[in-house]
Amino acid sequence: MSDKLPDQAVQAADKAIEQAKHAADRVKREAHAHGGVGVGGNAAAAVKQADRFVLRLNRLLATPGGLSAFLSTSNYILYVLAYLQPRASPLYTRLLAALKLSSSPVPLAADPNTPTPVAALAQLLSKCRTTLRLLGTLPLYAWLRSLMAGPKPGSDTVLHKIAVAQASSYFAYQLLENICVLADHGVVPASFVARLNRSEPTTTRLYTTAYRFWLVGVSCDFLRLAREAQNIGAKRAARGVEEKGVQVREEDEAIDRRWWMDAAIAAAWFPMALHFSNVTGGVPGWHAGWMGVCGLVAGGERMRGLWGATA
């Protein structure tokens, strides 16, 4: 399944947005003609905002990578809410009792083995994203194949080797995860999994191996950032005094912002990859809340960029 919707959907969304703008202008004119906004004007404004949000969301889903970014962001927000919900409910109950706003008895504790609706929705979105990643090996293969052709003239050979290692790790991770997903749903026979998994027909150990390849790929980002910092420092040190103008300073600031953003993204993915790779028994104190926060930090910049492009 592709993340990109037909071009007709994008054109229809653009047309609908234009119609919504004209409708909003008409509502404003009518509100001013009646001497103010009032309750009806507030309701119309709320409907207008909801309409604009739905249309922007439609445009987001129609852009390349928009569906993946939306599902990822929604998934990690739900992880945070699922972690906070059972901790907020007793506090809310005690607050009502203290304010004497509720005379009902304290409700029975929920079964810890039964996920809350928020947690169930988070799990559903996670499965949806995993299913969509079944086609994730194709762009990774294309990336790896282009890298195997060798570094481009004038490019850094060290960065090229790091990119090859990262692309290979991500490709191995995605391939193994796909095998595990298909095996869990009966598509790939257990005998095939056993041949890959030391005669073990279940996918638990194979998942761990896949996550370790993911950890290697994430770790390559730190090597890339270190090499880029070295190259940037050498380039700036070799500049002449006459090259240090306002435009050069602004370019340097943009490069630094991009570098620190990449560092924050790598630092956010690393504990998650380390935990699921189970190299050290997992990250101590890891829970769904931390996973949600790390995922939002790692994918937030991409989501903000895609959402801003729909305005």
Protein backbone atom coordinates (compact mmCIF):
# COMPACT_ATOMS: atom_id res chain seq x y z
CA MET A 1 0.00 0.00 0.00
CA SER A 2 1.41 3.36 -0.99
CA ASP A 3 1.32 6.46 1.22
CA LYS A 4 0.57 8.61 -1.82
CA LEU A 5 -3.07 9.10 -2.80
CA PRO A 6 -4.14 9.81 -6.38
CA ASP A 7 -3.48 13.29 -7.70
CA GLN A 8 -7.24 13.82 -8.05
CA ALA A 9 -7.52 13.71 -4.25
CA VAL A 10 -4.98 16.51 -3.91
CA GLN A 11 -6.75 18.61 -6.53
CA ALA A 12 -10.10 18.01 -4.86
CA ALA A 13 -8.64 19.03 -1.49
CA ASP A 14 -7.22 22.23 -2.99
CA LYS A 15 -10.58 23.08 -4.51
CA ALA A 16 -12.37 22.35 -1.25
CA ILE A 17 -9.95 24.57 0.66
CA GLU A 18 -10.64 27.45 -1.74
CA GLN A 19 -14.37 26.93 -1.26
CA ALA A 20 -13.89 26.90 2.50
CA LYS A 21 -12.01 30.20 2.34
CA HIS A 22 -14.84 31.82 0.35
CA ALA A 23 -17.38 30.43 2.82
CA ALA A 24 -15.36 31.77 5.75
CA ASP A 25 -15.24 35.24 4.17
CA ARG A 26 -18.98 35.13 3.65
CA VAL A 27 -19.53 34.17 7.32
CA LYS A 28 -17.35 37.10 8.43
CA ARG A 29 -19.26 39.56 6.26
CA GLU A 30 -22.60 38.32 7.56
CA ALA A 31 -21.39 38.49 11.17
CA HIS A 32 -20.24 42.09 10.77
CA ALA A 33 -23.49 42.98 9.03
CA HIS A 34 -25.41 41.80 12.11
CA GLY A 35 -23.33 43.91 14.44
CA GLY A 36 -21.11 41.23 15.94
CA VAL A 37 -20.23 37.61 16.07
CA GLY A 38 -22.49 36.26 18.81
CA VAL A 39 -23.22 32.63 19.59
CA GLY A 40 -24.05 31.80 15.97
CA GLY A 41 -20.82 33.39 14.82
CA ASN A 42 -18.81 31.37 17.33
CA ALA A 43 -20.47 28.18 16.15
CA ALA A 44 -19.78 29.08 12.53
CA ALA A 45 -16.14 29.83 13.38
CA ALA A 46 -15.82 26.47 15.12
CA VAL A 47 -17.29 24.67 12.13
CA LYS A 48 -14.95 26.60 9.83
CA GLN A 49 -11.91 25.62 11.91
CA ALA A 50 -12.96 21.97 11.95
CA ASP A 51 -13.53 22.07 8.20
CA ARG A 52 -10.11 23.58 7.56
CA PHE A 53 -8.46 21.00 9.83
CA VAL A 54 -10.08 18.07 7.99
CA LEU A 55 -9.09 19.47 4.60
CA ARG A 56 -5.50 20.08 5.72
CA LEU A 57 -5.36 16.55 7.13
CA ASN A 58 -6.56 15.24 3.77
CA ARG A 59 -3.77 17.13 2.02
CA LEU A 60 -1.24 15.82 4.53
CA LEU A 61 -2.27 12.22 3.89
CA ALA A 62 -1.99 12.85 0.14
CA THR A 63 1.65 13.99 0.32
CA PRO A 64 4.54 11.48 0.04
CA GLY A 65 5.29 10.23 3.53
CA GLY A 66 2.30 12.06 5.00
CA LEU A 67 0.37 8.94 5.98
CA SER A 68 3.42 7.40 7.65
CA ALA A 69 4.20 10.61 9.57
CA PHE A 70 0.58 11.04 10.69
CA LEU A 71 0.26 7.44 11.92
CA SER A 72 3.63 7.63 13.67
CA THR A 73 2.83 10.89 15.47
CA SER A 74 -0.65 9.70 16.45
CA ASN A 75 0.76 6.39 17.67
CA TYR A 76 3.34 7.98 19.96
CA ILE A 77 0.84 10.51 21.33
CA LEU A 78 -1.42 7.61 22.23
CA TYR A 79 1.48 5.84 23.97
CA VAL A 80 1.97 8.88 26.19
CA LEU A 81 -1.77 9.12 26.91
CA ALA A 82 -1.99 5.38 27.59
CA TYR A 83 0.77 5.72 30.17
CA LEU A 84 -0.78 8.78 31.83
CA GLN A 85 -4.42 7.63 31.80
CA PRO A 86 -4.34 5.02 34.63
CA ARG A 87 -2.25 7.40 36.75
CA ALA A 88 -4.56 10.34 36.19
CA SER A 89 -7.82 8.48 36.92
CA PRO A 90 -7.20 7.91 40.68
CA LEU A 91 -6.06 11.52 41.03
CA TYR A 92 -9.23 12.69 39.29
CA THR A 93 -11.39 10.52 41.56
CA ARG A 94 -9.68 11.81 44.70
CA LEU A 95 -10.05 15.39 43.48
CA LEU A 96 -13.81 14.96 43.01
CA ALA A 97 -14.10 13.40 46.47
CA ALA A 98 -12.11 16.23 48.06
CA LEU A 99 -14.33 18.81 46.37
CA LYS A 100 -17.41 16.74 47.30
CA LEU A 101 -18.53 16.75 43.69
CA SER A 102 -19.06 13.01 43.57
CA SER A 103 -20.95 10.90 46.11
CA SER A 104 -20.55 7.65 44.19
CA PRO A 105 -18.31 4.95 45.66
CA VAL A 106 -14.76 4.52 44.40
CA PRO A 107 -14.90 2.34 41.27
CA LEU A 108 -13.30 -1.05 41.27
CA ALA A 109 -9.78 -1.27 39.89
CA ALA A 110 -9.62 -2.27 36.25
CA ASP A 111 -8.07 -5.55 35.18
CA PRO A 112 -4.38 -4.79 34.51
CA ASN A 113 -4.39 -7.39 31.74
CA THR A 114 -7.13 -5.57 29.84
CA PRO A 115 -5.79 -2.58 27.88
CA THR A 116 -7.61 0.71 28.10
CA PRO A 117 -9.28 2.00 24.94
CA VAL A 118 -6.39 4.43 24.41
CA ALA A 119 -3.82 1.65 24.79
CA ALA A 120 -5.84 -0.61 22.50
CA LEU A 121 -5.93 2.09 19.82
CA ALA A 122 -2.16 2.62 20.21
CA GLN A 123 -1.59 -1.11 19.69
CA LEU A 124 -3.88 -1.09 16.64
CA LEU A 125 -1.96 1.82 15.06
CA SER A 126 1.32 0.08 15.81
CA LYS A 127 0.14 -3.03 13.98
CA CYS A 128 -1.06 -0.87 11.09
CA ARG A 129 2.36 0.81 10.81
CA THR A 130 4.11 -2.56 10.95
CA THR A 131 1.91 -3.84 8.15
CA LEU A 132 2.63 -0.77 6.02
CA ARG A 133 6.36 -1.36 6.54
CA LEU A 134 6.11 -4.64 4.63
CA LEU A 135 6.95 -2.58 1.54
CA GLY A 136 9.69 -0.70 3.37
CA THR A 137 12.43 -2.91 1.93
CA LEU A 138 11.90 -1.43 -1.56
CA PRO A 139 13.17 2.13 -0.89
CA LEU A 140 15.90 0.74 1.37
CA TYR A 141 17.03 -1.58 -1.43
CA ALA A 142 17.06 1.35 -3.87
CA TRP A 143 19.11 3.42 -1.41
CA LEU A 144 21.58 0.60 -0.79
CA ARG A 145 21.91 -0.13 -4.51
CA SER A 146 22.73 3.51 -5.27
CA LEU A 147 25.37 3.52 -2.54
CA MET A 148 26.98 0.33 -3.84
CA ALA A 149 27.80 2.18 -7.07
CA GLY A 150 30.48 4.00 -5.10
CA PRO A 151 30.91 7.53 -3.75
CA LYS A 152 30.17 10.46 -6.01
CA PRO A 153 33.12 12.51 -7.28
CA GLY A 154 34.20 14.98 -4.64
CA SER A 155 32.15 13.43 -1.85
CA ASP A 156 33.53 12.27 1.50
CA THR A 157 34.50 8.59 1.33
CA VAL A 158 34.16 8.17 5.11
CA LEU A 159 30.57 9.43 5.03
CA HIS A 160 29.89 7.11 2.11
CA LYS A 161 31.13 4.08 4.07
CA ILE A 162 28.99 5.08 7.04
CA ALA A 163 25.97 5.41 4.73
CA VAL A 164 26.62 1.94 3.29
CA ALA A 165 26.78 0.45 6.79
CA GLN A 166 23.59 2.24 7.81
CA ALA A 167 21.64 1.31 4.69
CA SER A 168 22.74 -2.34 5.04
CA SER A 169 21.68 -2.42 8.69
CA TYR A 170 18.28 -0.88 8.01
CA PHE A 171 17.69 -3.21 5.08
CA ALA A 172 18.52 -6.27 7.22
CA TYR A 173 16.27 -4.96 10.01
CA GLN A 174 13.34 -4.39 7.68
CA LEU A 175 13.77 -7.74 5.95
CA LEU A 176 13.86 -9.68 9.23
CA GLU A 177 10.89 -7.77 10.64
CA ASN A 178 8.90 -8.54 7.50
CA ILE A 179 9.69 -12.23 7.84
CA CYS A 180 8.57 -12.16 11.48
CA VAL A 181 5.31 -10.36 10.69
CA LEU A 182 4.46 -12.74 7.85
CA ALA A 183 5.39 -15.76 9.99
CA ASP A 184 3.19 -14.56 12.87
CA HIS A 185 0.26 -14.43 10.45
CA GLY A 186 0.94 -17.86 8.95
CA VAL A 187 2.23 -16.59 5.60
CA VAL A 188 5.83 -17.77 6.13
CA PRO A 189 6.10 -21.36 7.44
CA ALA A 190 7.66 -21.99 10.85
CA SER A 191 10.20 -24.31 9.22
CA PHE A 192 11.68 -21.37 7.30
CA VAL A 193 11.91 -19.32 10.51
CA ALA A 194 13.62 -22.24 12.23
CA ARG A 195 16.32 -22.35 9.54
CA LEU A 196 17.10 -18.70 10.21
CA ASN A 197 16.68 -18.90 13.97
CA ARG A 198 18.86 -21.75 15.31
CA SER A 199 16.07 -24.32 14.90
CA GLU A 200 13.68 -22.11 16.89
CA PRO A 201 10.32 -21.90 15.03
CA THR A 202 9.03 -18.88 16.99
CA THR A 203 9.88 -15.32 16.01
CA THR A 204 10.91 -13.87 19.39
CA ARG A 205 14.65 -14.26 18.90
CA LEU A 206 14.40 -13.21 15.26
CA TYR A 207 12.66 -10.00 16.28
CA THR A 208 15.52 -9.29 18.71
CA THR A 209 18.06 -9.82 15.93
CA ALA A 210 16.11 -7.42 13.70
CA TYR A 211 16.08 -4.76 16.41
CA ARG A 212 19.83 -5.14 16.84
CA PHE A 213 20.29 -4.29 13.19
CA TRP A 214 18.06 -1.27 13.82
CA LEU A 215 20.33 -0.28 16.73
CA VAL A 216 23.37 -0.48 14.44
CA GLY A 217 21.63 1.73 11.89
CA VAL A 218 20.73 4.33 14.51
CA SER A 219 24.28 4.25 15.90
CA CYS A 220 25.60 5.06 12.42
CA ASP A 221 23.91 8.44 12.74
CA PHE A 222 26.29 9.35 15.57
CA LEU A 223 29.27 8.39 13.41
CA ARG A 224 27.87 10.47 10.55
CA LEU A 225 27.31 13.46 12.80
CA ALA A 226 30.82 13.21 14.21
CA ARG A 227 32.31 13.13 10.70
CA GLU A 228 30.12 16.01 9.54
CA ALA A 229 31.18 18.08 12.56
CA GLN A 230 34.81 17.37 11.70
CA ASN A 231 34.30 18.44 8.08
CA ILE A 232 32.38 21.56 9.07
CA GLY A 233 35.08 22.60 11.53
CA ALA A 234 37.84 22.08 8.97
CA LYS A 235 35.94 24.06 6.34
CA ARG A 236 35.35 27.00 8.67
CA ALA A 237 38.94 27.00 9.88
CA ALA A 238 40.19 27.23 6.29
CA ARG A 239 38.11 30.31 5.48
CA GLY A 240 39.68 33.65 4.85
CA VAL A 241 38.73 36.75 6.78
CA GLU A 242 37.01 38.24 3.74
CA GLU A 243 34.59 35.29 3.53
CA LYS A 244 33.09 35.87 6.97
CA GLY A 245 30.09 38.01 6.04
CA VAL A 246 26.47 38.18 7.16
CA GLN A 247 25.32 35.68 4.52
CA VAL A 248 28.03 33.19 5.50
CA ARG A 249 27.09 33.54 9.16
CA GLU A 250 23.43 32.86 8.40
CA GLU A 251 24.39 29.79 6.38
CA ASP A 252 26.53 28.55 9.27
CA GLU A 253 23.64 29.02 11.69
CA ALA A 254 21.31 27.04 9.40
CA ILE A 255 23.88 24.23 9.16
CA ASP A 256 24.29 24.19 12.94
CA ARG A 257 20.52 24.05 13.50
CA ARG A 258 20.23 21.13 11.10
CA TRP A 259 23.12 19.32 12.77
CA TRP A 260 21.68 19.71 16.27
CA MET A 261 18.25 18.62 15.04
CA ASP A 262 19.75 15.45 13.55
CA ALA A 263 21.61 14.86 16.82
CA ALA A 264 18.36 15.20 18.81
CA ILE A 265 16.57 12.77 16.48
CA ALA A 266 19.36 10.19 16.76
CA ALA A 267 19.46 10.61 20.54
CA ALA A 268 15.68 10.05 20.71
CA TRP A 269 15.74 6.86 18.60
CA PHE A 270 18.77 5.37 20.37
CA PRO A 271 17.20 4.41 23.76
CA MET A 272 14.21 2.88 21.98
CA ALA A 273 16.42 0.80 19.69
CA LEU A 274 18.63 -0.16 22.64
CA HIS A 275 15.64 -1.29 24.68
CA PHE A 276 14.06 -3.48 22.01
CA SER A 277 17.40 -4.94 20.93
CA ASN A 278 17.67 -6.25 24.52
CA VAL A 279 21.47 -5.94 24.47
CA THR A 280 21.65 -4.99 28.15
CA GLY A 281 18.31 -6.42 29.23
CA GLY A 282 16.52 -3.29 28.09
CA VAL A 283 16.66 0.29 29.32
CA PRO A 284 15.89 0.43 33.08
CA GLY A 285 12.53 2.00 33.83
CA TRP A 286 11.42 1.91 30.20
CA HIS A 287 7.67 2.22 29.66
CA ALA A 288 5.14 3.33 27.06
CA GLY A 289 5.42 6.95 28.18
CA TRP A 290 9.13 7.11 27.43
CA MET A 291 8.57 5.40 24.10
CA GLY A 292 5.94 7.99 23.19
CA VAL A 293 8.16 10.92 24.17
CA CYS A 294 11.16 9.56 22.25
CA GLY A 295 9.03 8.88 19.18
CA LEU A 296 7.54 12.37 19.23
CA VAL A 297 10.96 13.99 19.54
CA ALA A 298 12.33 11.87 16.71
CA GLY A 299 9.45 12.39 14.31
CA GLY A 300 8.14 15.78 15.42
CA GLU A 301 10.27 17.88 13.07
CA ARG A 302 9.19 15.87 10.02
CA MET A 303 5.54 16.09 11.02
CA ARG A 304 5.76 19.84 11.61
CA GLY A 305 7.30 20.33 8.18
CA LEU A 306 4.66 18.27 6.40
CA TRP A 307 1.82 19.89 8.33
CA GLY A 308 3.16 23.39 7.67
CA ALA A 309 3.26 22.64 3.94
CA THR A 310 -0.53 22.09 3.95
CA ALA A 311 -1.30 25.61 5.17
